[in-house]
Amino acid sequence: MTTEPAALAALMEERVMRAAHPVAYRALKSLRGPVRRVPGLGVLVNDATLLRGVLMDPEHFSKKGKGASSDLWTPILGPSLLLNMDGVDHFALRRKIGPLFAPAYVEALAAASLTDAVADLTKRLKNGERVDVVTEVRRYASIMVSQLVGLPVDAFSDDLFARVASITRFVSLTKPRFTPRELAIAKGVLGELTANSREAYRAGGDATVPGRMRELGLTEDEALGAVGAFVIVGTETLVSYLPRLVAVLVDSGWYPQLVEDRSLVDPAIAEGMRVTTPSPVMLRSVVSDASIGSVAVKAGDRVVLATFAANRALGPFDPSLNTAATLKQLWFGAGSHFCIGAPMAMAQIHLVVDALLAAGPVRVVSRAASRGVMIPSYASLVIERA
């Protein structure tokens, strides 16, 4: 590949990141060194090796505590979810919920939910229609969310999806918790969703995900907390990632090659995860004195793991090199907190990518980046057959 398309892909990704975090992104990008203390923010880690070391060291670094994930999500979702747990309780819940995300189960669930929808996507592109990838992926996410919360597919409207997505818009790096007003809004939205989940959980059985959670031994609170976390975080990251992947493939010139050679699909998806990093940062709280590289940290310090910077430092998007393989899917975390929902996300991603490639090469007609959002994304990405 020439350097010009790679540079274009990198430039367009920069614009997406800047639109989401116009101040924070510029500030974080300007900082030099693998780790440094930033007043008002915390201890910033940019290096992949050091970042993984923090994730793999629960003795010193936790998701619970001042400035960590628990500050955000516990007031909304309760104390019993993987996002805000550590230690024995975290292990026990992860073990109970694990079968729900076994590859065979989630692949079957995604196929049953999305096969017809993605087949229609292929058909429309082949017929010469222009398609907004963001709109399409949001629809697929709504179908999957309906499965998660026990709603009929047509009940998860665009309005409800927008209100769910609005919860993450309240979050920023410099604001460690929701305001009372934001908390009330978030609880109201989740109350609508969990009402259906509660009914599905109490009915039990394998027909719905909440019902299956009951069969797996989760308490009602654990099941509702898990559903809320999947809906808020998992949905937004997927709707962010797929349009950005399509844009990177087109901009870098790799899209036609994937159409011709499907052996490149897996490394292209991994490389797309590396250069887009839908969850650009992870948060930890220091629970006992330690050091990260040359920087000493004390109990109560906030640690900001800049996964986007660590991932991008390894070079431009290139499926033939598959630099992402060296990171062991760092964008999904590491150790005991490696994203349990990764198999479900990957099942959906593969279905959509396969459907897009089946239509042949495409070009981007228009695009617009989302502004002021927690998870960098496109507001629209319109494509058509090339």
Protein backbone atom coordinates (compact mmCIF):
# COMPACT_ATOMS: atom_id res chain seq x y z
CA MET A 1 0.00 0.00 0.00
CA THR A 2 1.12 3.58 -0.62
CA THR A 3 1.51 5.98 2.27
CA GLU A 4 -1.06 8.42 0.89
CA PRO A 5 -4.20 6.32 1.61
CA ALA A 6 -2.83 5.34 5.03
CA ALA A 7 -2.29 9.02 5.83
CA LEU A 8 -5.85 9.84 4.70
CA ALA A 9 -7.29 7.13 6.94
CA ALA A 10 -5.29 8.45 9.91
CA LEU A 11 -6.39 12.03 9.19
CA MET A 12 -10.09 11.13 9.05
CA GLU A 13 -9.79 9.20 12.32
CA GLU A 14 -8.12 12.23 13.90
CA ARG A 15 -11.14 14.30 12.93
CA VAL A 16 -13.51 11.83 14.58
CA MET A 17 -11.49 11.92 17.81
CA ARG A 18 -11.23 15.72 17.81
CA ALA A 19 -14.96 16.13 17.20
CA ALA A 20 -15.74 13.96 20.22
CA HIS A 21 -13.17 15.49 22.58
CA PRO A 22 -11.95 18.78 21.08
CA VAL A 23 -10.05 19.88 24.18
CA ALA A 24 -9.13 16.64 25.93
CA TYR A 25 -7.92 14.90 22.78
CA ARG A 26 -5.55 17.71 21.83
CA ALA A 27 -4.26 17.90 25.38
CA LEU A 28 -3.71 14.16 25.72
CA LYS A 29 -2.07 13.90 22.32
CA SER A 30 0.37 16.70 23.12
CA LEU A 31 1.67 14.98 26.26
CA ARG A 32 4.98 13.18 25.86
CA GLY A 33 6.37 10.17 27.65
CA PRO A 34 4.93 6.74 28.51
CA VAL A 35 3.48 7.89 31.85
CA ARG A 36 3.10 11.22 33.58
CA ARG A 37 1.03 12.97 36.23
CA VAL A 38 -1.44 15.52 34.81
CA PRO A 39 -3.00 18.03 37.25
CA GLY A 40 -6.78 17.79 37.32
CA LEU A 41 -6.80 14.52 35.41
CA GLY A 42 -4.64 11.92 37.15
CA VAL A 43 -1.73 9.71 36.17
CA LEU A 44 -1.85 9.26 32.38
CA VAL A 45 -0.44 6.06 30.88
CA ASN A 46 0.29 6.01 27.13
CA ASP A 47 2.49 2.92 26.83
CA ALA A 48 0.94 -0.47 25.97
CA THR A 49 3.27 -2.51 28.19
CA LEU A 50 2.76 -0.27 31.22
CA LEU A 51 -0.96 -0.08 30.53
CA ARG A 52 -1.27 -3.87 30.46
CA GLY A 53 0.76 -4.05 33.66
CA VAL A 54 -1.79 -1.85 35.44
CA LEU A 55 -4.69 -3.95 34.15
CA MET A 56 -2.99 -7.13 35.32
CA ASP A 57 -2.27 -5.83 38.84
CA PRO A 58 -5.50 -5.83 40.89
CA GLU A 59 -3.46 -5.70 44.10
CA HIS A 60 -2.56 -2.06 43.44
CA PHE A 61 -5.13 -0.86 40.87
CA SER A 62 -8.91 -1.25 41.02
CA LYS A 63 -12.09 -0.39 39.16
CA LYS A 64 -13.51 0.58 42.55
CA GLY A 65 -12.54 3.81 44.27
CA LYS A 66 -12.10 7.52 43.71
CA GLY A 67 -12.06 8.44 40.02
CA ALA A 68 -12.51 4.85 38.81
CA SER A 69 -15.38 3.26 36.88
CA SER A 70 -17.41 2.66 40.04
CA ASP A 71 -17.82 6.42 40.58
CA LEU A 72 -19.79 6.63 37.35
CA TRP A 73 -21.76 3.43 37.10
CA THR A 74 -22.62 2.30 40.64
CA PRO A 75 -25.14 5.14 41.28
CA ILE A 76 -27.02 4.17 38.10
CA LEU A 77 -26.64 0.43 37.81
CA GLY A 78 -26.07 -0.65 41.41
CA PRO A 79 -23.11 -2.41 43.00
CA SER A 80 -23.50 -5.82 41.34
CA LEU A 81 -22.01 -5.52 37.87
CA LEU A 82 -18.65 -6.35 36.38
CA LEU A 83 -17.88 -2.72 35.51
CA ASN A 84 -17.47 -1.75 39.15
CA MET A 85 -16.36 -4.92 40.90
CA ASP A 86 -13.06 -6.50 41.88
CA GLY A 87 -11.74 -9.49 43.78
CA VAL A 88 -13.78 -12.51 44.87
CA ASP A 89 -17.18 -10.94 44.15
CA HIS A 90 -16.09 -10.02 40.61
CA PHE A 91 -14.78 -13.52 39.96
CA ALA A 92 -17.98 -15.14 41.25
CA LEU A 93 -20.27 -13.00 39.08
CA ARG A 94 -18.07 -13.42 36.02
CA ARG A 95 -18.14 -17.18 36.48
CA LYS A 96 -21.94 -17.22 36.70
CA ILE A 97 -22.46 -15.00 33.67
CA GLY A 98 -19.70 -16.55 31.54
CA PRO A 99 -21.87 -19.16 29.70
CA LEU A 100 -24.07 -16.36 28.40
CA PHE A 101 -21.12 -15.15 26.33
CA ALA A 102 -19.78 -18.47 25.12
CA PRO A 103 -18.95 -18.01 21.41
CA ALA A 104 -21.37 -20.73 20.29
CA TYR A 105 -24.28 -19.13 22.18
CA VAL A 106 -23.69 -15.51 21.10
CA GLU A 107 -22.94 -16.45 17.49
CA ALA A 108 -26.26 -18.31 17.32
CA LEU A 109 -28.05 -15.40 19.02
CA ALA A 110 -26.55 -12.83 16.64
CA ALA A 111 -27.27 -14.96 13.58
CA ALA A 112 -30.88 -15.54 14.59
CA SER A 113 -31.35 -11.82 15.29
CA LEU A 114 -29.48 -10.19 12.42
CA THR A 115 -29.18 -12.54 9.42
CA ASP A 116 -32.24 -11.19 7.61
CA ALA A 117 -31.35 -7.56 8.36
CA VAL A 118 -27.78 -7.80 7.05
CA ALA A 119 -28.90 -9.77 3.99
CA ASP A 120 -31.17 -6.83 3.18
CA LEU A 121 -28.16 -4.50 3.54
CA THR A 122 -26.24 -6.50 0.91
CA LYS A 123 -29.22 -6.46 -1.44
CA ARG A 124 -29.76 -2.72 -1.15
CA LEU A 125 -26.13 -1.90 -1.85
CA LYS A 126 -26.06 -4.24 -4.84
CA ASN A 127 -29.18 -2.50 -6.16
CA GLY A 128 -27.32 0.82 -6.11
CA GLU A 129 -28.91 2.33 -3.01
CA ARG A 130 -27.00 4.70 -0.78
CA VAL A 131 -26.81 3.47 2.80
CA ASP A 132 -26.00 5.31 6.01
CA VAL A 133 -23.86 2.80 7.90
CA VAL A 134 -24.56 4.54 11.21
CA THR A 135 -28.32 4.20 10.78
CA GLU A 136 -27.94 0.57 9.77
CA VAL A 137 -25.71 -0.39 12.68
CA ARG A 138 -27.96 1.46 15.13
CA ARG A 139 -30.87 -0.64 13.87
CA TYR A 140 -28.89 -3.85 14.36
CA ALA A 141 -27.88 -2.75 17.84
CA SER A 142 -31.54 -2.05 18.65
CA ILE A 143 -32.43 -5.59 17.61
CA MET A 144 -29.72 -7.03 19.85
CA VAL A 145 -30.66 -4.75 22.75
CA SER A 146 -34.23 -5.95 22.43
CA GLN A 147 -32.94 -9.49 22.89
CA LEU A 148 -30.95 -8.41 25.95
CA VAL A 149 -33.77 -6.63 27.74
CA GLY A 150 -36.67 -8.86 26.70
CA LEU A 151 -38.40 -6.28 24.48
CA PRO A 152 -40.18 -6.94 21.18
CA VAL A 153 -37.86 -5.78 18.38
CA ASP A 154 -40.22 -3.04 17.19
CA ALA A 155 -40.51 -1.61 20.72
CA PHE A 156 -36.95 -0.34 20.78
CA SER A 157 -37.59 2.90 18.91
CA ASP A 158 -35.10 5.45 17.59
CA ASP A 159 -36.21 7.76 20.41
CA LEU A 160 -35.46 5.17 23.09
CA PHE A 161 -32.12 4.37 21.48
CA ALA A 162 -31.23 8.06 21.43
CA ARG A 163 -32.10 8.42 25.11
CA VAL A 164 -29.99 5.39 26.02
CA ALA A 165 -27.09 6.85 24.01
CA SER A 166 -27.54 10.21 25.74
CA ILE A 167 -26.40 8.68 29.04
CA THR A 168 -22.82 8.35 27.82
CA ARG A 169 -22.88 11.96 26.61
CA PHE A 170 -22.84 13.05 30.25
CA VAL A 171 -19.41 11.48 30.75
CA SER A 172 -16.05 13.19 30.31
CA LEU A 173 -12.51 12.55 31.49
CA THR A 174 -12.53 15.50 33.85
CA LYS A 175 -15.92 14.69 35.42
CA PRO A 176 -15.73 11.56 37.58
CA ARG A 177 -19.43 11.25 38.37
CA PHE A 178 -22.92 12.21 37.17
CA THR A 179 -24.72 15.30 38.46
CA PRO A 180 -28.04 14.74 40.30
CA ARG A 181 -29.94 15.85 37.18
CA GLU A 182 -27.98 13.51 34.90
CA LEU A 183 -28.39 10.67 37.37
CA ALA A 184 -32.15 11.15 37.41
CA ILE A 185 -32.31 11.10 33.59
CA ALA A 186 -30.15 7.98 33.36
CA LYS A 187 -32.19 6.15 35.99
CA GLY A 188 -35.38 7.07 34.19
CA VAL A 189 -34.18 5.64 30.88
CA LEU A 190 -32.86 2.49 32.48
CA GLY A 191 -36.07 2.12 34.45
CA GLU A 192 -37.97 1.74 31.18
CA LEU A 193 -35.59 -0.94 30.00
CA THR A 194 -35.24 -2.87 33.23
CA ALA A 195 -39.01 -3.06 33.70
CA ASN A 196 -39.07 -5.40 30.71
CA SER A 197 -35.90 -7.16 31.84
CA ARG A 198 -37.39 -7.74 35.28
CA GLU A 199 -40.46 -9.40 33.76
CA ALA A 200 -38.30 -11.53 31.48
CA TYR A 201 -36.04 -12.52 34.37
CA ARG A 202 -38.97 -13.57 36.55
CA ALA A 203 -40.45 -15.61 33.71
CA GLY A 204 -37.17 -17.51 33.41
CA GLY A 205 -36.33 -19.94 30.59
CA ASP A 206 -34.05 -19.58 27.58
CA ALA A 207 -36.36 -17.48 25.39
CA THR A 208 -34.80 -14.20 26.61
CA VAL A 209 -31.37 -13.21 27.86
CA PRO A 210 -32.66 -12.10 31.30
CA GLY A 211 -34.49 -15.41 31.61
CA ARG A 212 -31.32 -17.28 30.75
CA MET A 213 -29.45 -15.23 33.38
CA ARG A 214 -31.88 -16.54 35.98
CA GLU A 215 -31.25 -20.08 34.81
CA LEU A 216 -27.51 -19.45 35.19
CA GLY A 217 -27.97 -18.50 38.84
CA LEU A 218 -27.74 -14.70 38.70
CA THR A 219 -29.84 -12.80 41.22
CA GLU A 220 -32.37 -10.34 39.87
CA ASP A 221 -30.17 -7.37 40.81
CA GLU A 222 -27.13 -8.96 39.14
CA ALA A 223 -29.12 -9.66 35.97
CA LEU A 224 -30.58 -6.16 35.75
CA GLY A 225 -27.20 -4.56 36.41
CA ALA A 226 -25.59 -6.69 33.70
CA VAL A 227 -28.31 -5.82 31.20
CA GLY A 228 -27.93 -2.11 31.93
CA ALA A 229 -24.16 -2.26 31.49
CA PHE A 230 -24.42 -4.13 28.18
CA VAL A 231 -26.99 -1.69 26.84
CA ILE A 232 -25.19 1.50 27.86
CA VAL A 233 -21.58 0.59 27.14
CA GLY A 234 -21.67 -2.29 24.68
CA THR A 235 -24.22 -0.76 22.33
CA GLU A 236 -22.42 2.56 22.03
CA THR A 237 -19.01 0.99 21.37
CA LEU A 238 -20.42 -1.22 18.60
CA VAL A 239 -22.29 1.65 16.93
CA SER A 240 -19.05 3.63 17.10
CA TYR A 241 -16.75 0.93 15.80
CA LEU A 242 -18.42 -0.47 12.68
CA PRO A 243 -18.87 2.83 10.76
CA ARG A 244 -15.32 3.85 11.69
CA LEU A 245 -14.01 0.50 10.44
CA VAL A 246 -15.81 0.96 7.12
CA ALA A 247 -14.36 4.47 6.79
CA VAL A 248 -10.83 3.26 7.59
CA LEU A 249 -11.11 0.41 5.06
CA VAL A 250 -12.29 2.76 2.32
CA ASP A 251 -9.89 5.61 3.12
CA SER A 252 -6.86 3.31 3.38
CA GLY A 253 -7.67 1.52 0.12
CA TRP A 254 -7.99 -1.89 1.76
CA TYR A 255 -11.71 -2.39 1.17
CA PRO A 256 -11.43 -3.85 -2.39
CA GLN A 257 -8.68 -6.21 -1.24
CA LEU A 258 -10.92 -7.61 1.49
CA VAL A 259 -13.69 -8.13 -1.06
CA GLU A 260 -11.29 -10.29 -3.07
CA ASP A 261 -9.46 -11.97 -0.18
CA ARG A 262 -11.57 -12.82 2.86
CA SER A 263 -8.52 -14.20 4.71
CA LEU A 264 -7.75 -10.55 5.47
CA VAL A 265 -11.05 -9.97 7.30
CA ASP A 266 -9.92 -11.08 10.77
CA PRO A 267 -6.69 -9.05 10.78
CA ALA A 268 -8.55 -6.07 9.30
CA ILE A 269 -11.12 -6.18 12.11
CA ALA A 270 -8.35 -6.42 14.70
CA GLU A 271 -6.38 -3.59 13.08
CA GLY A 272 -9.58 -1.54 12.98
CA MET A 273 -10.02 -2.09 16.70
CA ARG A 274 -6.44 -1.02 17.27
CA VAL A 275 -6.54 2.25 15.33
CA THR A 276 -10.06 3.31 16.33
CA THR A 277 -10.15 2.00 19.93
CA PRO A 278 -13.90 2.59 20.52
CA SER A 279 -13.27 2.84 24.28
CA PRO A 280 -10.38 5.33 24.13
CA VAL A 281 -9.54 5.30 27.85
CA MET A 282 -9.91 3.02 30.87
CA LEU A 283 -9.96 4.22 34.47
CA ARG A 284 -8.44 2.76 37.60
CA SER A 285 -8.02 3.90 41.20
CA VAL A 286 -4.80 3.21 43.10
CA VAL A 287 -5.60 1.10 46.17
CA SER A 288 -2.05 0.79 47.56
CA ASP A 289 1.20 2.63 46.90
CA ALA A 290 3.03 1.46 43.79
CA SER A 291 4.77 2.80 40.68
CA ILE A 292 3.92 2.91 37.00
CA GLY A 293 7.18 3.09 35.10
CA SER A 294 9.14 5.95 36.65
CA VAL A 295 6.10 7.59 38.30
CA ALA A 296 5.24 6.77 41.92
CA VAL A 297 1.51 6.54 42.71
CA LYS A 298 -0.29 6.59 46.04
CA ALA A 299 -3.56 5.17 47.29
CA GLY A 300 -6.43 7.33 46.04
CA ASP A 301 -4.67 8.46 42.85
CA ARG A 302 -6.67 8.24 39.63
CA VAL A 303 -5.07 6.40 36.71
CA VAL A 304 -6.15 7.18 33.14
CA LEU A 305 -5.14 4.41 30.74
CA ALA A 306 -4.98 6.00 27.28
CA THR A 307 -5.58 2.87 25.23
CA PHE A 308 -6.11 4.86 22.03
CA ALA A 309 -2.62 6.38 22.29
CA ALA A 310 -0.96 3.08 23.20
CA ASN A 311 -2.64 1.28 20.30
CA ARG A 312 -1.97 3.93 17.67
CA ALA A 313 1.68 4.26 18.63
CA LEU A 314 2.33 0.97 16.84
CA GLY A 315 1.79 2.45 13.38
CA PRO A 316 -0.89 2.98 10.71
CA PHE A 317 -3.69 0.59 9.80
CA ASP A 318 -2.30 -2.37 7.84
CA PRO A 319 -4.02 -5.80 7.85
CA SER A 320 -1.05 -7.38 6.06
CA LEU A 321 1.20 -6.58 9.02
CA ASN A 322 -1.53 -7.17 11.63
CA THR A 323 0.35 -5.26 14.29
CA ALA A 324 -2.76 -5.62 16.44
CA ALA A 325 -1.89 -9.26 17.08
CA THR A 326 0.95 -8.17 19.38
CA LEU A 327 -1.51 -6.36 21.67
CA LYS A 328 -3.61 -9.41 22.59
CA GLN A 329 -6.83 -7.41 22.11
CA LEU A 330 -5.77 -4.72 24.58
CA TRP A 331 -8.77 -2.62 23.47
CA PHE A 332 -10.95 -5.17 25.33
CA GLY A 333 -8.84 -4.91 28.49
CA ALA A 334 -6.67 -7.58 30.09
CA GLY A 335 -6.61 -10.00 32.98
CA SER A 336 -9.70 -10.58 35.09
CA HIS A 337 -11.45 -7.56 33.55
CA PHE A 338 -11.02 -8.58 29.91
CA CYS A 339 -14.37 -7.64 28.33
CA ILE A 340 -16.73 -10.55 28.87
CA GLY A 341 -18.96 -9.26 26.06
CA ALA A 342 -16.19 -9.41 23.44
CA PRO A 343 -17.52 -12.61 21.78
CA MET A 344 -20.95 -11.03 21.34
CA ALA A 345 -19.44 -7.89 19.82
CA MET A 346 -17.27 -9.91 17.46
CA ALA A 347 -20.20 -12.06 16.34
CA GLN A 348 -22.15 -8.94 15.34
CA ILE A 349 -19.12 -7.32 13.71
CA HIS A 350 -18.44 -10.36 11.53
CA LEU A 351 -22.06 -10.57 10.36
CA VAL A 352 -22.12 -6.91 9.32
CA VAL A 353 -18.66 -6.90 7.70
CA ASP A 354 -19.46 -10.06 5.72
CA ALA A 355 -22.70 -8.49 4.48
CA LEU A 356 -20.93 -5.31 3.42
CA LEU A 357 -18.16 -7.14 1.58
CA ALA A 358 -20.69 -9.37 -0.18
CA ALA A 359 -22.04 -6.26 -1.93
CA GLY A 360 -18.62 -5.50 -3.47
CA PRO A 361 -16.38 -2.42 -3.20
CA VAL A 362 -17.96 0.78 -1.87
CA ARG A 363 -17.11 4.45 -1.65
CA VAL A 364 -17.97 7.05 0.97
CA VAL A 365 -20.48 9.59 -0.34
CA SER A 366 -20.63 11.78 2.77
CA ARG A 367 -19.72 11.71 6.44
CA ALA A 368 -20.14 13.71 9.62
CA ALA A 369 -18.41 13.08 12.94
CA SER A 370 -20.37 13.13 16.20
CA ARG A 371 -19.53 16.10 18.42
CA GLY A 372 -19.20 16.19 22.18
CA VAL A 373 -19.69 12.47 22.78
CA MET A 374 -17.89 10.13 25.17
CA ILE A 375 -17.24 7.43 22.56
CA PRO A 376 -15.84 8.89 19.30
CA SER A 377 -18.13 8.05 16.41
CA TYR A 378 -19.70 9.13 13.15
CA ALA A 379 -23.10 10.80 13.22
CA SER A 380 -23.52 9.61 9.63
CA LEU A 381 -21.44 7.71 7.08
CA VAL A 382 -23.19 7.32 3.74
CA ILE A 383 -21.79 4.74 1.29
CA GLU A 384 -22.67 3.30 -2.10
CA ARG A 385 -21.18 0.72 -4.44
CA ALA A 386 -18.03 1.96 -6.12
